[in-house]
Amino acid sequence: MKSVILVRISCIIFSLALIDAIGALLGFWSIEGYERDIILTIESVVLISLLINSLMVKRWVVGSTNDRAFIKIAWLSFLALCFCLLGDVTNFNLPETFYRYESVIKHDYLVDSIFFFLPGYTLLLLAGFRAIELNTIDKRFIRYPVVAGSVVGVLSMVMMHLPDTGWFITISTGIYAMLIGVVGFTGLAFILSCGGLKASKGELLVGIGFILAAVADAIIGNFWIYGNQGEGVYPQVRYLNWMVYIASQCLVIHLPHLLVINSKYSRDKKQQDYNPVT
C-alpha cells in the first residue's frame, strides 16, 4: 500500500468527525435528541476506521523497515490508540447515567475513561520520547516537557477544581491533568528536536497532533467535568472536544509512518551525495 493512501484515509476520517461536530454545533442534530443512536453509530464508525488506519500504518512500517526502533514506535502508537478508543466508548455514556460517584460532578463517567486514557497516552508518550531520542541526544528535550507539562497540569487542575469534589475524582483528574500536560509539551519538544520552524510539514503536523491531544482534554476538564459548577457545558463541549480529539488522533498515528519516510529520504539523499549525477 502506498503511504499517501494512509494520509488520505486520515483526512477522510477527520472530515467525517468535522461534519458531525459542526452539524451538531449548528443545531442540525443533537446527541441529546432522538438522533442519539445514529450519531453514536456514526462516531463508532469513525473510531473503527481510525483503528483500522492505525493498524495499516503499523503494518506498513513493519513491512517497510527492519529498524527495531521504528517498529517499536509503531507498536506503541497502535496500542496507545487501542486504549484511547476504549476510553472513547466509556465517554459515550451508553447507560446514560450521571452523578455516579457524588452530587457535584454530573458527567463523572468521564473519570472512568481515565483508566483507559492514562495507559493509552503513557504509551503514546513513550513513542514520542523514543522519536525525540532518534532526533537528538540532548536529554533536555525530554526532561523539560515532563517538568513543564506536570507544572502546567497541576496549575490547570487548581484553577478548574471545585471545592466540594470528592477525593476519587480529584486525584484521578489531577494525575491525568499532569500526564496530558506532558503530552502537549512533548509535541512541542518533538517539533523543536526536528529543527523548530525548519521542521518539515509532516513533523509539524505530528507535533501539533500531540498538542491537540492536550487541548482536547483541557476542554473536557474545564468545560465538561468541572465546567458550569459541575453541570458541564453540555452537549456543546462534547462536539468541540470530538472535533479536536479526532484531529489529534488522525495526526499522531502517523508518527512511525513519518519516521520511516524521513529515514528513507535521508538515506536516498546520502546516496545522491555520494553518487552525484554528472
C-alpha atoms as a PDB file:
ATOM      1  CA  MET A   1       0.000   0.000   0.000  1.00  0.00           C
ATOM      2  CA  LYS A   2       1.286   3.473  -0.876  1.00  0.00           C
ATOM      3  CA  SER A   3       1.912   5.624   2.177  1.00  0.00           C
ATOM      4  CA  VAL A   4      -0.074   8.526   0.713  1.00  0.00           C
ATOM      5  CA  ILE A   5      -3.232   6.417   0.953  1.00  0.00           C
ATOM      6  CA  LEU A   6      -2.804   6.223   4.732  1.00  0.00           C
ATOM      7  CA  VAL A   7      -2.714  10.011   4.886  1.00  0.00           C
ATOM      8  CA  ARG A   8      -5.804  10.339   2.690  1.00  0.00           C
ATOM      9  CA  ILE A   9      -7.722   7.934   4.919  1.00  0.00           C
ATOM     10  CA  SER A  10      -6.912  10.080   7.943  1.00  0.00           C
ATOM     11  CA  CYS A  11      -8.156  13.151   6.066  1.00  0.00           C
ATOM     12  CA  ILE A  12     -11.439  11.385   5.290  1.00  0.00           C
ATOM     13  CA  ILE A  13     -11.842  10.281   8.921  1.00  0.00           C
ATOM     14  CA  PHE A  14     -11.275  13.809  10.190  1.00  0.00           C
ATOM     15  CA  SER A  15     -13.692  15.211   7.603  1.00  0.00           C
ATOM     16  CA  LEU A  16     -16.441  12.905   8.908  1.00  0.00           C
ATOM     17  CA  ALA A  17     -15.748  13.958  12.502  1.00  0.00           C
ATOM     18  CA  LEU A  18     -15.710  17.617  11.462  1.00  0.00           C
ATOM     19  CA  ILE A  19     -19.072  17.344   9.714  1.00  0.00           C
ATOM     20  CA  ASP A  20     -20.504  15.527  12.736  1.00  0.00           C
ATOM     21  CA  ALA A  21     -19.284  18.196  15.162  1.00  0.00           C
ATOM     22  CA  ILE A  22     -20.123  21.283  13.103  1.00  0.00           C
ATOM     23  CA  GLY A  23     -23.576  19.955  12.227  1.00  0.00           C
ATOM     24  CA  ALA A  24     -24.306  19.409  15.914  1.00  0.00           C
ATOM     25  CA  LEU A  25     -22.937  22.835  16.915  1.00  0.00           C
ATOM     26  CA  LEU A  26     -25.169  24.438  14.279  1.00  0.00           C
ATOM     27  CA  GLY A  27     -28.183  22.580  15.640  1.00  0.00           C
ATOM     28  CA  PHE A  28     -28.856  20.196  12.747  1.00  0.00           C
ATOM     29  CA  TRP A  29     -28.750  17.215  15.114  1.00  0.00           C
ATOM     30  CA  SER A  30     -28.064  16.563  18.790  1.00  0.00           C
ATOM     31  CA  ILE A  31     -26.651  13.775  20.918  1.00  0.00           C
ATOM     32  CA  GLU A  32     -29.462  14.516  23.371  1.00  0.00           C
ATOM     33  CA  GLY A  33     -32.200  14.104  20.790  1.00  0.00           C
ATOM     34  CA  TYR A  34     -33.764  11.154  19.030  1.00  0.00           C
ATOM     35  CA  GLU A  35     -30.707  11.095  16.720  1.00  0.00           C
ATOM     36  CA  ARG A  36     -28.507   9.879  19.612  1.00  0.00           C
ATOM     37  CA  ASP A  37     -28.244   6.292  18.366  1.00  0.00           C
ATOM     38  CA  ILE A  38     -27.491   7.455  14.814  1.00  0.00           C
ATOM     39  CA  ILE A  39     -24.776   9.848  15.986  1.00  0.00           C
ATOM     40  CA  LEU A  40     -23.169   7.225  18.218  1.00  0.00           C
ATOM     41  CA  THR A  41     -23.215   4.759  15.315  1.00  0.00           C
ATOM     42  CA  ILE A  42     -21.508   7.264  13.007  1.00  0.00           C
ATOM     43  CA  GLU A  43     -18.938   8.122  15.666  1.00  0.00           C
ATOM     44  CA  SER A  44     -18.297   4.421  16.239  1.00  0.00           C
ATOM     45  CA  VAL A  45     -17.603   4.041  12.521  1.00  0.00           C
ATOM     46  CA  VAL A  46     -15.147   6.950  12.758  1.00  0.00           C
ATOM     47  CA  LEU A  47     -13.335   5.295  15.671  1.00  0.00           C
ATOM     48  CA  ILE A  48     -13.228   1.882  13.981  1.00  0.00           C
ATOM     49  CA  SER A  49     -11.893   3.498  10.804  1.00  0.00           C
ATOM     50  CA  LEU A  50      -9.238   5.261  12.858  1.00  0.00           C
ATOM     51  CA  LEU A  51      -8.239   1.970  14.469  1.00  0.00           C
ATOM     52  CA  ILE A  52      -8.014   0.216  11.089  1.00  0.00           C
ATOM     53  CA  ASN A  53      -5.915   3.038   9.664  1.00  0.00           C
ATOM     54  CA  SER A  54      -3.585   2.908  12.666  1.00  0.00           C
ATOM     55  CA  LEU A  55      -3.259  -0.849  12.164  1.00  0.00           C
ATOM     56  CA  MET A  56      -2.427  -0.289   8.482  1.00  0.00           C
ATOM     57  CA  VAL A  57       0.193   2.283   9.482  1.00  0.00           C
ATOM     58  CA  LYS A  58       1.776  -0.256  11.822  1.00  0.00           C
ATOM     59  CA  ARG A  59       1.740  -2.957   9.146  1.00  0.00           C
ATOM     60  CA  TRP A  60       3.178  -0.531   6.595  1.00  0.00           C
ATOM     61  CA  VAL A  61       6.025   0.336   8.967  1.00  0.00           C
ATOM     62  CA  VAL A  62       6.766  -3.317   9.744  1.00  0.00           C
ATOM     63  CA  GLY A  63       6.789  -4.116   6.032  1.00  0.00           C
ATOM     64  CA  SER A  64       8.913  -1.095   5.086  1.00  0.00           C
ATOM     65  CA  THR A  65      11.775  -1.243   7.564  1.00  0.00           C
ATOM     66  CA  ASN A  66      13.829  -3.578   9.720  1.00  0.00           C
ATOM     67  CA  ASP A  67      14.693  -0.819  12.174  1.00  0.00           C
ATOM     68  CA  ARG A  68      13.619  -2.052  15.598  1.00  0.00           C
ATOM     69  CA  ALA A  69      13.169   1.476  16.933  1.00  0.00           C
ATOM     70  CA  PHE A  70      10.654   2.357  14.214  1.00  0.00           C
ATOM     71  CA  ILE A  71       8.782  -0.916  14.678  1.00  0.00           C
ATOM     72  CA  LYS A  72       8.666  -0.394  18.454  1.00  0.00           C
ATOM     73  CA  ILE A  73       7.248   3.112  17.987  1.00  0.00           C
ATOM     74  CA  ALA A  74       4.669   1.724  15.552  1.00  0.00           C
ATOM     75  CA  TRP A  75       3.510  -0.819  18.117  1.00  0.00           C
ATOM     76  CA  LEU A  76       3.435   1.765  20.914  1.00  0.00           C
ATOM     77  CA  SER A  77       1.368   4.126  18.769  1.00  0.00           C
ATOM     78  CA  PHE A  78      -1.103   1.421  17.781  1.00  0.00           C
ATOM     79  CA  LEU A  79      -1.546   0.105  21.323  1.00  0.00           C
ATOM     80  CA  ALA A  80      -1.938   3.669  22.589  1.00  0.00           C
ATOM     81  CA  LEU A  81      -4.849   4.198  20.218  1.00  0.00           C
ATOM     82  CA  CYS A  82      -6.444   0.903  21.276  1.00  0.00           C
ATOM     83  CA  PHE A  83      -6.565   2.044  24.902  1.00  0.00           C
ATOM     84  CA  CYS A  84      -7.797   5.509  23.943  1.00  0.00           C
ATOM     85  CA  LEU A  85     -10.652   4.081  21.893  1.00  0.00           C
ATOM     86  CA  LEU A  86     -11.822   2.140  24.940  1.00  0.00           C
ATOM     87  CA  GLY A  87     -11.837   5.459  26.751  1.00  0.00           C
ATOM     88  CA  ASP A  88     -13.903   6.963  23.927  1.00  0.00           C
ATOM     89  CA  VAL A  89     -16.507   4.235  24.270  1.00  0.00           C
ATOM     90  CA  THR A  90     -16.675   4.943  28.010  1.00  0.00           C
ATOM     91  CA  ASN A  91     -17.225   8.626  27.251  1.00  0.00           C
ATOM     92  CA  PHE A  92     -20.196   7.698  25.058  1.00  0.00           C
ATOM     93  CA  ASN A  93     -22.001   7.029  28.368  1.00  0.00           C
ATOM     94  CA  LEU A  94     -24.151   4.357  26.791  1.00  0.00           C
ATOM     95  CA  PRO A  95     -26.157   3.680  30.015  1.00  0.00           C
ATOM     96  CA  GLU A  96     -26.800   7.447  30.270  1.00  0.00           C
ATOM     97  CA  THR A  97     -26.010   7.528  33.971  1.00  0.00           C
ATOM     98  CA  PHE A  98     -24.912  10.657  35.860  1.00  0.00           C
ATOM     99  CA  TYR A  99     -23.707  11.565  39.355  1.00  0.00           C
ATOM    100  CA  ARG A 100     -22.481   8.042  39.948  1.00  0.00           C
ATOM    101  CA  TYR A 101     -19.781   8.973  42.458  1.00  0.00           C
ATOM    102  CA  GLU A 102     -21.089  12.118  44.102  1.00  0.00           C
ATOM    103  CA  SER A 103     -23.536  15.005  43.759  1.00  0.00           C
ATOM    104  CA  VAL A 104     -21.071  17.611  42.439  1.00  0.00           C
ATOM    105  CA  ILE A 105     -19.854  16.319  39.065  1.00  0.00           C
ATOM    106  CA  LYS A 106     -22.702  15.378  36.740  1.00  0.00           C
ATOM    107  CA  HIS A 107     -20.626  13.787  33.969  1.00  0.00           C
ATOM    108  CA  ASP A 108     -18.425  11.774  36.308  1.00  0.00           C
ATOM    109  CA  TYR A 109     -18.440   8.805  33.901  1.00  0.00           C
ATOM    110  CA  LEU A 110     -15.634  10.730  32.213  1.00  0.00           C
ATOM    111  CA  VAL A 111     -13.431   9.844  35.181  1.00  0.00           C
ATOM    112  CA  ASP A 112     -13.879   6.142  34.377  1.00  0.00           C
ATOM    113  CA  SER A 113     -12.385   6.730  30.926  1.00  0.00           C
ATOM    114  CA  ILE A 114      -9.143   7.895  32.583  1.00  0.00           C
ATOM    115  CA  PHE A 115      -8.392   4.241  33.347  1.00  0.00           C
ATOM    116  CA  PHE A 116      -8.051   3.756  29.575  1.00  0.00           C
ATOM    117  CA  PHE A 117      -6.678   7.132  28.510  1.00  0.00           C
ATOM    118  CA  LEU A 118      -3.983   7.069  31.189  1.00  0.00           C
ATOM    119  CA  PRO A 119      -2.198   3.953  29.844  1.00  0.00           C
ATOM    120  CA  GLY A 120      -3.046   4.990  26.294  1.00  0.00           C
ATOM    121  CA  TYR A 121      -1.345   8.363  26.481  1.00  0.00           C
ATOM    122  CA  THR A 122       1.504   6.880  28.531  1.00  0.00           C
ATOM    123  CA  LEU A 123       2.251   4.555  25.605  1.00  0.00           C
ATOM    124  CA  LEU A 124       1.996   7.498  23.208  1.00  0.00           C
ATOM    125  CA  LEU A 125       4.444   9.427  25.386  1.00  0.00           C
ATOM    126  CA  LEU A 126       6.909   6.531  25.221  1.00  0.00           C
ATOM    127  CA  ALA A 127       6.588   6.580  21.437  1.00  0.00           C
ATOM    128  CA  GLY A 128       7.116  10.348  21.390  1.00  0.00           C
ATOM    129  CA  PHE A 129      10.134  10.173  23.697  1.00  0.00           C
ATOM    130  CA  ARG A 130      11.737   7.467  21.552  1.00  0.00           C
ATOM    131  CA  ALA A 131      11.150   9.548  18.424  1.00  0.00           C
ATOM    132  CA  ILE A 132      12.801  12.549  20.079  1.00  0.00           C
ATOM    133  CA  GLU A 133      15.765  10.376  21.080  1.00  0.00           C
ATOM    134  CA  LEU A 134      16.193   9.425  17.418  1.00  0.00           C
ATOM    135  CA  ASN A 135      16.382  13.131  16.541  1.00  0.00           C
ATOM    136  CA  THR A 136      18.710  14.325  19.295  1.00  0.00           C
ATOM    137  CA  ILE A 137      20.858  13.034  22.141  1.00  0.00           C
ATOM    138  CA  ASP A 138      20.033  16.114  24.232  1.00  0.00           C
ATOM    139  CA  LYS A 139      18.013  14.769  27.172  1.00  0.00           C
ATOM    140  CA  ARG A 140      16.606  18.230  27.877  1.00  0.00           C
ATOM    141  CA  PHE A 141      14.117  17.660  25.056  1.00  0.00           C
ATOM    142  CA  ILE A 142      12.547  15.021  27.302  1.00  0.00           C
ATOM    143  CA  ARG A 143      13.219  16.405  30.776  1.00  0.00           C
ATOM    144  CA  TYR A 144      11.792  19.856  30.098  1.00  0.00           C
ATOM    145  CA  PRO A 145       8.446  18.631  28.684  1.00  0.00           C
ATOM    146  CA  VAL A 146       7.985  16.358  31.708  1.00  0.00           C
ATOM    147  CA  VAL A 147       8.649  19.176  34.180  1.00  0.00           C
ATOM    148  CA  ALA A 148       6.753  21.880  32.267  1.00  0.00           C
ATOM    149  CA  GLY A 149       3.797  19.616  31.478  1.00  0.00           C
ATOM    150  CA  SER A 150       3.486  18.462  35.086  1.00  0.00           C
ATOM    151  CA  VAL A 151       3.579  22.034  36.405  1.00  0.00           C
ATOM    152  CA  VAL A 152       1.015  23.264  33.894  1.00  0.00           C
ATOM    153  CA  GLY A 153      -1.164  20.241  34.662  1.00  0.00           C
ATOM    154  CA  VAL A 154      -1.127  20.998  38.380  1.00  0.00           C
ATOM    155  CA  LEU A 155      -1.879  24.682  37.786  1.00  0.00           C
ATOM    156  CA  SER A 156      -4.765  23.895  35.455  1.00  0.00           C
ATOM    157  CA  MET A 157      -6.157  21.440  37.991  1.00  0.00           C
ATOM    158  CA  VAL A 158      -6.036  24.068  40.738  1.00  0.00           C
ATOM    159  CA  MET A 159      -7.817  26.585  38.508  1.00  0.00           C
ATOM    160  CA  MET A 160     -10.693  24.338  37.395  1.00  0.00           C
ATOM    161  CA  HIS A 161     -11.225  22.241  40.537  1.00  0.00           C
ATOM    162  CA  LEU A 162     -14.445  22.644  42.516  1.00  0.00           C
ATOM    163  CA  PRO A 163     -14.139  22.759  46.349  1.00  0.00           C
ATOM    164  CA  ASP A 164     -16.700  20.044  47.133  1.00  0.00           C
ATOM    165  CA  THR A 165     -15.357  17.494  44.655  1.00  0.00           C
ATOM    166  CA  GLY A 166     -14.586  14.104  46.230  1.00  0.00           C
ATOM    167  CA  TRP A 167     -11.100  12.651  46.582  1.00  0.00           C
ATOM    168  CA  PHE A 168     -11.541   9.959  43.940  1.00  0.00           C
ATOM    169  CA  ILE A 169     -12.404  12.400  41.166  1.00  0.00           C
ATOM    170  CA  THR A 170      -9.875  14.974  42.411  1.00  0.00           C
ATOM    171  CA  ILE A 171      -6.941  12.547  42.478  1.00  0.00           C
ATOM    172  CA  SER A 172      -7.878  10.857  39.198  1.00  0.00           C
ATOM    173  CA  THR A 173      -8.287  14.080  37.238  1.00  0.00           C
ATOM    174  CA  GLY A 174      -5.242  15.630  38.936  1.00  0.00           C
ATOM    175  CA  ILE A 175      -2.904  12.814  37.884  1.00  0.00           C
ATOM    176  CA  TYR A 176      -4.359  12.800  34.402  1.00  0.00           C
ATOM    177  CA  ALA A 177      -4.012  16.588  34.079  1.00  0.00           C
ATOM    178  CA  MET A 178      -0.283  16.252  34.727  1.00  0.00           C
ATOM    179  CA  LEU A 179       0.068  13.444  32.181  1.00  0.00           C
ATOM    180  CA  ILE A 180      -1.825  15.227  29.432  1.00  0.00           C
ATOM    181  CA  GLY A 181       0.201  18.366  30.101  1.00  0.00           C
ATOM    182  CA  VAL A 182       3.354  16.356  29.411  1.00  0.00           C
ATOM    183  CA  VAL A 183       1.785  15.042  26.188  1.00  0.00           C
ATOM    184  CA  GLY A 184       1.240  18.588  24.943  1.00  0.00           C
ATOM    185  CA  PHE A 185       4.762  19.760  25.717  1.00  0.00           C
ATOM    186  CA  THR A 186       6.172  16.582  24.179  1.00  0.00           C
ATOM    187  CA  GLY A 187       4.585  17.638  20.892  1.00  0.00           C
ATOM    188  CA  LEU A 188       6.399  20.961  21.127  1.00  0.00           C
ATOM    189  CA  ALA A 189       9.660  19.213  22.058  1.00  0.00           C
ATOM    190  CA  PHE A 190       9.299  16.880  19.075  1.00  0.00           C
ATOM    191  CA  ILE A 191       8.936  19.846  16.719  1.00  0.00           C
ATOM    192  CA  LEU A 192      11.966  21.555  18.272  1.00  0.00           C
ATOM    193  CA  SER A 193      14.008  18.349  18.006  1.00  0.00           C
ATOM    194  CA  CYS A 194      13.163  18.313  14.299  1.00  0.00           C
ATOM    195  CA  GLY A 195      14.533  21.811  13.813  1.00  0.00           C
ATOM    196  CA  GLY A 196      11.712  24.024  15.049  1.00  0.00           C
ATOM    197  CA  LEU A 197      10.499  26.274  12.248  1.00  0.00           C
ATOM    198  CA  LYS A 198      12.756  24.324   9.881  1.00  0.00           C
ATOM    199  CA  ALA A 199      10.835  21.111  10.585  1.00  0.00           C
ATOM    200  CA  SER A 200       9.023  19.521   7.673  1.00  0.00           C
ATOM    201  CA  LYS A 201       5.266  19.829   7.234  1.00  0.00           C
ATOM    202  CA  GLY A 202       4.808  16.245   8.390  1.00  0.00           C
ATOM    203  CA  GLU A 203       6.899  16.795  11.522  1.00  0.00           C
ATOM    204  CA  LEU A 204       4.943  19.942  12.353  1.00  0.00           C
ATOM    205  CA  LEU A 205       1.613  18.168  11.895  1.00  0.00           C
ATOM    206  CA  VAL A 206       2.561  15.187  14.070  1.00  0.00           C
ATOM    207  CA  GLY A 207       3.862  17.526  16.784  1.00  0.00           C
ATOM    208  CA  ILE A 208       0.650  19.547  16.577  1.00  0.00           C
ATOM    209  CA  GLY A 209      -1.247  16.266  16.985  1.00  0.00           C
ATOM    210  CA  PHE A 210       0.330  15.790  20.426  1.00  0.00           C
ATOM    211  CA  ILE A 211      -0.530  19.379  21.336  1.00  0.00           C
ATOM    212  CA  LEU A 212      -4.136  18.963  20.182  1.00  0.00           C
ATOM    213  CA  ALA A 213      -4.473  15.884  22.397  1.00  0.00           C
ATOM    214  CA  ALA A 214      -3.683  18.110  25.385  1.00  0.00           C
ATOM    215  CA  VAL A 215      -6.081  20.796  24.133  1.00  0.00           C
ATOM    216  CA  ALA A 216      -8.882  18.225  23.736  1.00  0.00           C
ATOM    217  CA  ASP A 217      -8.510  17.048  27.330  1.00  0.00           C
ATOM    218  CA  ALA A 218      -8.181  20.601  28.617  1.00  0.00           C
ATOM    219  CA  ILE A 219     -11.571  21.241  27.027  1.00  0.00           C
ATOM    220  CA  ILE A 220     -13.001  18.196  28.814  1.00  0.00           C
ATOM    221  CA  GLY A 221     -11.591  19.172  32.194  1.00  0.00           C
ATOM    222  CA  ASN A 222     -12.534  22.840  32.123  1.00  0.00           C
ATOM    223  CA  PHE A 223     -15.914  22.666  30.420  1.00  0.00           C
ATOM    224  CA  TRP A 224     -17.231  19.088  30.556  1.00  0.00           C
ATOM    225  CA  ILE A 225     -16.190  17.841  34.002  1.00  0.00           C
ATOM    226  CA  TYR A 226     -15.750  20.942  36.145  1.00  0.00           C
ATOM    227  CA  GLY A 227     -17.489  23.488  33.911  1.00  0.00           C
ATOM    228  CA  ASN A 228     -20.725  25.228  34.877  1.00  0.00           C
ATOM    229  CA  GLN A 229     -20.222  24.323  38.553  1.00  0.00           C
ATOM    230  CA  GLY A 230     -20.048  20.608  37.754  1.00  0.00           C
ATOM    231  CA  GLU A 231     -23.037  20.544  35.401  1.00  0.00           C
ATOM    232  CA  GLY A 232     -20.843  20.814  32.333  1.00  0.00           C
ATOM    233  CA  VAL A 233     -21.363  22.997  29.267  1.00  0.00           C
ATOM    234  CA  TYR A 234     -23.067  20.071  27.604  1.00  0.00           C
ATOM    235  CA  PRO A 235     -23.584  18.987  24.854  1.00  0.00           C
ATOM    236  CA  GLN A 236     -21.734  21.801  23.029  1.00  0.00           C
ATOM    237  CA  VAL A 237     -18.422  20.956  24.695  1.00  0.00           C
ATOM    238  CA  ARG A 238     -18.774  17.334  23.589  1.00  0.00           C
ATOM    239  CA  TYR A 239     -18.934  18.324  19.928  1.00  0.00           C
ATOM    240  CA  LEU A 240     -15.951  20.673  20.242  1.00  0.00           C
ATOM    241  CA  ASN A 241     -13.898  18.043  22.044  1.00  0.00           C
ATOM    242  CA  TRP A 242     -14.780  15.396  19.459  1.00  0.00           C
ATOM    243  CA  MET A 243     -13.533  17.586  16.616  1.00  0.00           C
ATOM    244  CA  VAL A 244     -10.213  18.424  18.302  1.00  0.00           C
ATOM    245  CA  TYR A 245      -9.664  14.902  19.652  1.00  0.00           C
ATOM    246  CA  ILE A 246     -10.159  13.129  16.313  1.00  0.00           C
ATOM    247  CA  ALA A 247      -7.870  15.688  14.655  1.00  0.00           C
ATOM    248  CA  SER A 248      -5.154  14.865  17.185  1.00  0.00           C
ATOM    249  CA  GLN A 249      -5.502  11.097  16.729  1.00  0.00           C
ATOM    250  CA  CYS A 250      -5.537  11.391  12.932  1.00  0.00           C
ATOM    251  CA  LEU A 251      -2.164  13.126  13.205  1.00  0.00           C
ATOM    252  CA  VAL A 252      -0.323  11.223  15.951  1.00  0.00           C
ATOM    253  CA  ILE A 253      -0.965   7.774  14.450  1.00  0.00           C
ATOM    254  CA  HIS A 254       1.358   8.829  11.622  1.00  0.00           C
ATOM    255  CA  LEU A 255       4.387   9.286  13.910  1.00  0.00           C
ATOM    256  CA  PRO A 256       6.033   5.951  12.947  1.00  0.00           C
ATOM    257  CA  HIS A 257       4.933   6.450   9.340  1.00  0.00           C
ATOM    258  CA  LEU A 258       6.701   9.828   9.291  1.00  0.00           C
ATOM    259  CA  LEU A 259       9.890   8.463  10.847  1.00  0.00           C
ATOM    260  CA  VAL A 260      10.248   5.752   8.211  1.00  0.00           C
ATOM    261  CA  ILE A 261       9.609   8.196   5.368  1.00  0.00           C
ATOM    262  CA  ASN A 262      12.191  10.624   6.791  1.00  0.00           C
ATOM    263  CA  SER A 263      14.669   7.785   7.181  1.00  0.00           C
ATOM    264  CA  LYS A 264      14.225   6.728   3.554  1.00  0.00           C
ATOM    265  CA  TYR A 265      14.536  10.325   2.366  1.00  0.00           C
ATOM    266  CA  SER A 266      17.724  10.797   4.389  1.00  0.00           C
ATOM    267  CA  ARG A 267      19.202   7.561   3.040  1.00  0.00           C
ATOM    268  CA  ASP A 268      18.331   8.435  -0.563  1.00  0.00           C
ATOM    269  CA  LYS A 269      19.822  11.911  -0.160  1.00  0.00           C
ATOM    270  CA  LYS A 270      23.067  10.459   1.159  1.00  0.00           C
ATOM    271  CA  GLN A 271      23.255   8.114  -1.822  1.00  0.00           C
ATOM    272  CA  GLN A 272      22.778  11.061  -4.168  1.00  0.00           C
ATOM    273  CA  ASP A 273      25.534  12.970  -2.368  1.00  0.00           C
ATOM    274  CA  TYR A 274      27.905  10.028  -2.761  1.00  0.00           C
ATOM    275  CA  ASN A 275      26.855   9.382  -6.355  1.00  0.00           C
ATOM    276  CA  PRO A 276      26.203  12.793  -7.910  1.00  0.00           C
ATOM    277  CA  VAL A 277      24.743  12.859 -11.404  1.00  0.00           C
ATOM    278  CA  THR A 278      27.318  14.163 -13.846  1.00  0.00           C
END
